[in-house]
N, C-alpha and C. Protein backbone atom coordinates (compact mmCIF):
# COMPACT_ATOMS: atom_id res chain seq x y z
N MET A 1 0.85 -1.18 0.00
CA MET A 1 0.00 0.00 0.00
C MET A 1 0.89 1.23 0.00
N SER A 2 0.59 2.22 -0.84
CA SER A 2 1.41 3.41 -0.93
C SER A 2 1.17 4.31 0.27
N ALA A 3 2.13 5.17 0.56
CA ALA A 3 2.01 6.08 1.69
C ALA A 3 0.83 7.01 1.48
N GLY A 4 0.03 7.20 2.50
CA GLY A 4 -1.10 8.10 2.42
C GLY A 4 -2.36 7.45 1.87
N ALA A 5 -2.26 6.22 1.38
CA ALA A 5 -3.45 5.55 0.84
C ALA A 5 -4.28 5.00 1.99
N ALA A 6 -5.59 5.07 1.84
CA ALA A 6 -6.48 4.55 2.86
C ALA A 6 -6.53 3.03 2.78
N GLU A 7 -6.57 2.39 3.94
CA GLU A 7 -6.70 0.93 3.95
C GLU A 7 -8.12 0.56 3.57
N GLN A 8 -8.27 -0.56 2.88
CA GLN A 8 -9.57 -0.98 2.38
C GLN A 8 -10.03 -2.24 3.10
N PHE A 9 -11.32 -2.25 3.49
CA PHE A 9 -11.94 -3.40 4.13
C PHE A 9 -13.20 -3.76 3.37
N ASN A 10 -13.48 -5.06 3.24
CA ASN A 10 -14.76 -5.43 2.64
C ASN A 10 -15.83 -5.31 3.72
N ILE A 11 -17.08 -5.38 3.31
CA ILE A 11 -18.19 -5.14 4.24
C ILE A 11 -18.15 -6.11 5.41
N HIS A 12 -17.90 -7.37 5.16
CA HIS A 12 -17.86 -8.36 6.25
C HIS A 12 -16.77 -8.00 7.25
N GLU A 13 -15.58 -7.67 6.76
CA GLU A 13 -14.48 -7.27 7.66
C GLU A 13 -14.86 -6.02 8.46
N ALA A 14 -15.49 -5.08 7.79
CA ALA A 14 -15.88 -3.84 8.46
C ALA A 14 -16.88 -4.11 9.59
N LYS A 15 -17.81 -5.03 9.35
CA LYS A 15 -18.79 -5.36 10.38
C LYS A 15 -18.12 -6.02 11.58
N THR A 16 -17.23 -6.95 11.32
CA THR A 16 -16.62 -7.70 12.42
C THR A 16 -15.51 -6.93 13.12
N GLN A 17 -14.93 -5.94 12.46
CA GLN A 17 -13.82 -5.19 13.04
C GLN A 17 -14.14 -3.71 13.22
N LEU A 18 -15.42 -3.37 13.35
CA LEU A 18 -15.82 -1.98 13.41
C LEU A 18 -15.10 -1.20 14.52
N SER A 19 -15.01 -1.77 15.70
CA SER A 19 -14.36 -1.07 16.81
C SER A 19 -12.90 -0.75 16.49
N LYS A 20 -12.19 -1.71 15.91
CA LYS A 20 -10.78 -1.48 15.55
C LYS A 20 -10.66 -0.44 14.45
N ILE A 21 -11.57 -0.50 13.49
CA ILE A 21 -11.55 0.48 12.39
C ILE A 21 -11.78 1.88 12.94
N LEU A 22 -12.78 2.01 13.82
CA LEU A 22 -13.07 3.33 14.38
C LEU A 22 -11.92 3.85 15.23
N GLU A 23 -11.23 2.97 15.91
CA GLU A 23 -10.06 3.38 16.69
C GLU A 23 -8.97 3.94 15.76
N ARG A 24 -8.78 3.30 14.63
CA ARG A 24 -7.78 3.78 13.65
C ARG A 24 -8.19 5.15 13.11
N VAL A 25 -9.49 5.28 12.82
CA VAL A 25 -9.99 6.55 12.30
C VAL A 25 -9.81 7.66 13.34
N GLU A 26 -10.05 7.34 14.61
CA GLU A 26 -9.85 8.32 15.68
C GLU A 26 -8.42 8.82 15.73
N HIS A 27 -7.50 7.99 15.28
CA HIS A 27 -6.08 8.38 15.27
C HIS A 27 -5.66 9.01 13.94
N GLY A 28 -6.64 9.39 13.13
CA GLY A 28 -6.35 10.15 11.92
C GLY A 28 -6.31 9.38 10.62
N GLU A 29 -6.47 8.06 10.66
CA GLU A 29 -6.44 7.28 9.43
C GLU A 29 -7.77 7.37 8.69
N GLU A 30 -7.72 7.16 7.38
CA GLU A 30 -8.92 7.05 6.57
C GLU A 30 -9.07 5.60 6.15
N VAL A 31 -10.30 5.11 6.16
CA VAL A 31 -10.56 3.71 5.83
C VAL A 31 -11.63 3.66 4.74
N VAL A 32 -11.42 2.79 3.75
CA VAL A 32 -12.37 2.62 2.66
C VAL A 32 -13.10 1.30 2.86
N ILE A 33 -14.41 1.33 2.71
CA ILE A 33 -15.24 0.11 2.78
C ILE A 33 -15.63 -0.24 1.34
N SER A 34 -15.47 -1.52 1.01
CA SER A 34 -15.76 -1.93 -0.37
C SER A 34 -16.72 -3.12 -0.41
N ARG A 35 -17.37 -3.25 -1.56
CA ARG A 35 -18.22 -4.40 -1.81
C ARG A 35 -17.73 -5.02 -3.11
N ALA A 36 -17.38 -6.29 -3.07
CA ALA A 36 -16.86 -7.01 -4.24
C ALA A 36 -15.67 -6.28 -4.84
N GLY A 37 -14.82 -5.72 -3.97
CA GLY A 37 -13.61 -5.06 -4.43
C GLY A 37 -13.80 -3.64 -4.93
N LYS A 38 -15.06 -3.17 -4.96
CA LYS A 38 -15.34 -1.82 -5.44
C LYS A 38 -15.60 -0.89 -4.24
N PRO A 39 -14.80 0.16 -4.09
CA PRO A 39 -15.01 1.09 -2.97
C PRO A 39 -16.39 1.72 -3.01
N ILE A 40 -17.07 1.70 -1.84
CA ILE A 40 -18.41 2.30 -1.78
C ILE A 40 -18.52 3.37 -0.70
N ALA A 41 -17.58 3.41 0.25
CA ALA A 41 -17.65 4.40 1.32
C ALA A 41 -16.26 4.66 1.88
N LYS A 42 -16.08 5.86 2.40
CA LYS A 42 -14.83 6.21 3.06
C LYS A 42 -15.16 6.70 4.47
N VAL A 43 -14.47 6.16 5.46
CA VAL A 43 -14.64 6.59 6.84
C VAL A 43 -13.46 7.48 7.17
N VAL A 44 -13.76 8.72 7.53
CA VAL A 44 -12.71 9.71 7.82
C VAL A 44 -12.95 10.31 9.19
N PRO A 45 -11.89 10.78 9.84
CA PRO A 45 -12.07 11.40 11.16
C PRO A 45 -12.83 12.72 11.05
N LEU A 46 -13.68 12.98 12.03
CA LEU A 46 -14.36 14.26 12.10
C LEU A 46 -13.43 15.27 12.75
N ARG A 47 -13.51 16.50 12.27
CA ARG A 47 -12.71 17.55 12.92
C ARG A 47 -13.36 17.89 14.25
N THR A 48 -12.55 17.99 15.25
CA THR A 48 -13.08 18.40 16.56
C THR A 48 -13.18 19.91 16.58
N SER A 49 -13.90 20.41 17.54
CA SER A 49 -14.06 21.86 17.63
C SER A 49 -12.70 22.52 17.88
N THR A 50 -12.59 23.73 17.40
CA THR A 50 -11.35 24.48 17.57
C THR A 50 -11.21 24.88 19.03
N ARG A 51 -10.06 24.65 19.56
CA ARG A 51 -9.82 25.03 20.94
C ARG A 51 -9.33 26.47 20.97
N ARG A 52 -10.22 27.36 21.41
CA ARG A 52 -9.88 28.77 21.49
C ARG A 52 -9.13 29.02 22.78
N ARG A 53 -8.19 29.91 22.73
CA ARG A 53 -7.39 30.22 23.90
C ARG A 53 -7.97 31.37 24.71
N GLY A 54 -9.06 31.95 24.23
CA GLY A 54 -9.66 33.05 24.97
C GLY A 54 -9.81 34.26 24.08
N ARG A 55 -10.15 35.37 24.68
CA ARG A 55 -10.37 36.61 23.94
C ARG A 55 -9.12 36.99 23.16
N GLY A 56 -9.34 37.37 21.91
CA GLY A 56 -8.23 37.81 21.09
C GLY A 56 -7.46 36.70 20.41
N SER A 57 -7.93 35.46 20.54
CA SER A 57 -7.18 34.34 19.97
C SER A 57 -7.19 34.34 18.45
N LEU A 58 -8.11 35.10 17.83
CA LEU A 58 -8.14 35.18 16.37
C LEU A 58 -7.43 36.44 15.85
N ARG A 59 -6.79 37.18 16.73
CA ARG A 59 -6.11 38.40 16.33
C ARG A 59 -5.09 38.10 15.24
N GLY A 60 -5.17 38.87 14.16
CA GLY A 60 -4.24 38.69 13.06
C GLY A 60 -4.71 37.69 12.01
N THR A 61 -5.80 36.97 12.29
CA THR A 61 -6.28 35.99 11.31
C THR A 61 -7.55 36.45 10.62
N LEU A 62 -8.21 37.46 11.15
CA LEU A 62 -9.42 37.98 10.54
C LEU A 62 -9.13 39.34 9.89
N ALA A 63 -9.69 39.56 8.73
CA ALA A 63 -9.54 40.85 8.06
C ALA A 63 -10.93 41.45 7.89
N MET A 64 -11.11 42.67 8.40
CA MET A 64 -12.40 43.34 8.30
C MET A 64 -12.22 44.62 7.49
N ALA A 65 -13.24 44.95 6.71
CA ALA A 65 -13.22 46.18 5.93
C ALA A 65 -13.25 47.37 6.88
N GLU A 66 -12.70 48.48 6.43
CA GLU A 66 -12.67 49.68 7.26
C GLU A 66 -14.07 50.15 7.65
N ASP A 67 -15.04 49.91 6.78
CA ASP A 67 -16.40 50.40 7.04
C ASP A 67 -17.31 49.34 7.65
N TRP A 68 -16.75 48.34 8.31
CA TRP A 68 -17.55 47.21 8.79
C TRP A 68 -18.61 47.63 9.81
N ASP A 69 -18.40 48.74 10.51
CA ASP A 69 -19.34 49.12 11.56
C ASP A 69 -19.91 50.54 11.35
N THR A 70 -19.98 50.96 10.11
CA THR A 70 -20.54 52.28 9.85
C THR A 70 -22.07 52.20 9.85
N ARG A 71 -22.71 53.35 10.03
CA ARG A 71 -24.16 53.41 10.03
C ARG A 71 -24.72 52.90 8.70
N GLN A 72 -24.08 53.26 7.61
CA GLN A 72 -24.54 52.85 6.28
C GLN A 72 -24.49 51.31 6.14
N THR A 73 -23.41 50.70 6.57
CA THR A 73 -23.29 49.24 6.50
C THR A 73 -24.35 48.57 7.37
N ASN A 74 -24.52 49.07 8.59
CA ASN A 74 -25.52 48.49 9.50
C ASN A 74 -26.93 48.63 8.94
N GLU A 75 -27.24 49.76 8.34
CA GLU A 75 -28.56 49.95 7.73
C GLU A 75 -28.77 49.00 6.56
N SER A 76 -27.71 48.79 5.77
CA SER A 76 -27.79 47.88 4.64
C SER A 76 -28.07 46.44 5.11
N ILE A 77 -27.40 46.04 6.17
CA ILE A 77 -27.61 44.69 6.73
C ILE A 77 -29.02 44.57 7.27
N ALA A 78 -29.47 45.59 8.00
CA ALA A 78 -30.83 45.58 8.55
C ALA A 78 -31.85 45.49 7.43
N GLU A 79 -31.62 46.19 6.35
CA GLU A 79 -32.53 46.15 5.20
C GLU A 79 -32.56 44.75 4.58
N ASP A 80 -31.39 44.12 4.50
CA ASP A 80 -31.32 42.76 3.95
C ASP A 80 -32.15 41.77 4.77
N PHE A 81 -32.25 42.02 6.08
CA PHE A 81 -33.01 41.15 6.96
C PHE A 81 -34.43 41.64 7.20
N GLY A 82 -34.83 42.68 6.47
CA GLY A 82 -36.20 43.17 6.56
C GLY A 82 -36.49 43.94 7.84
N LEU A 83 -35.47 44.52 8.42
CA LEU A 83 -35.67 45.27 9.68
C LEU A 83 -35.78 46.75 9.41
């Protein structure tokens, strides 16, 4: 198997080894489930929520327009929402 390729299990193997497969997925691996040698599903890890460090943790990563909080912008947004 090449580096980075997902390991493949047939449906019967997946049923009998589900706990082991899920443990591998929890550790970042991707697993392909196949029927008669044809891939039909991929099991991938879910992203966990971002761990924020507190106020200001996004400083430097967000870019806001200079007019983001002007009266005109706020009125335009309110109009878009029918307010």
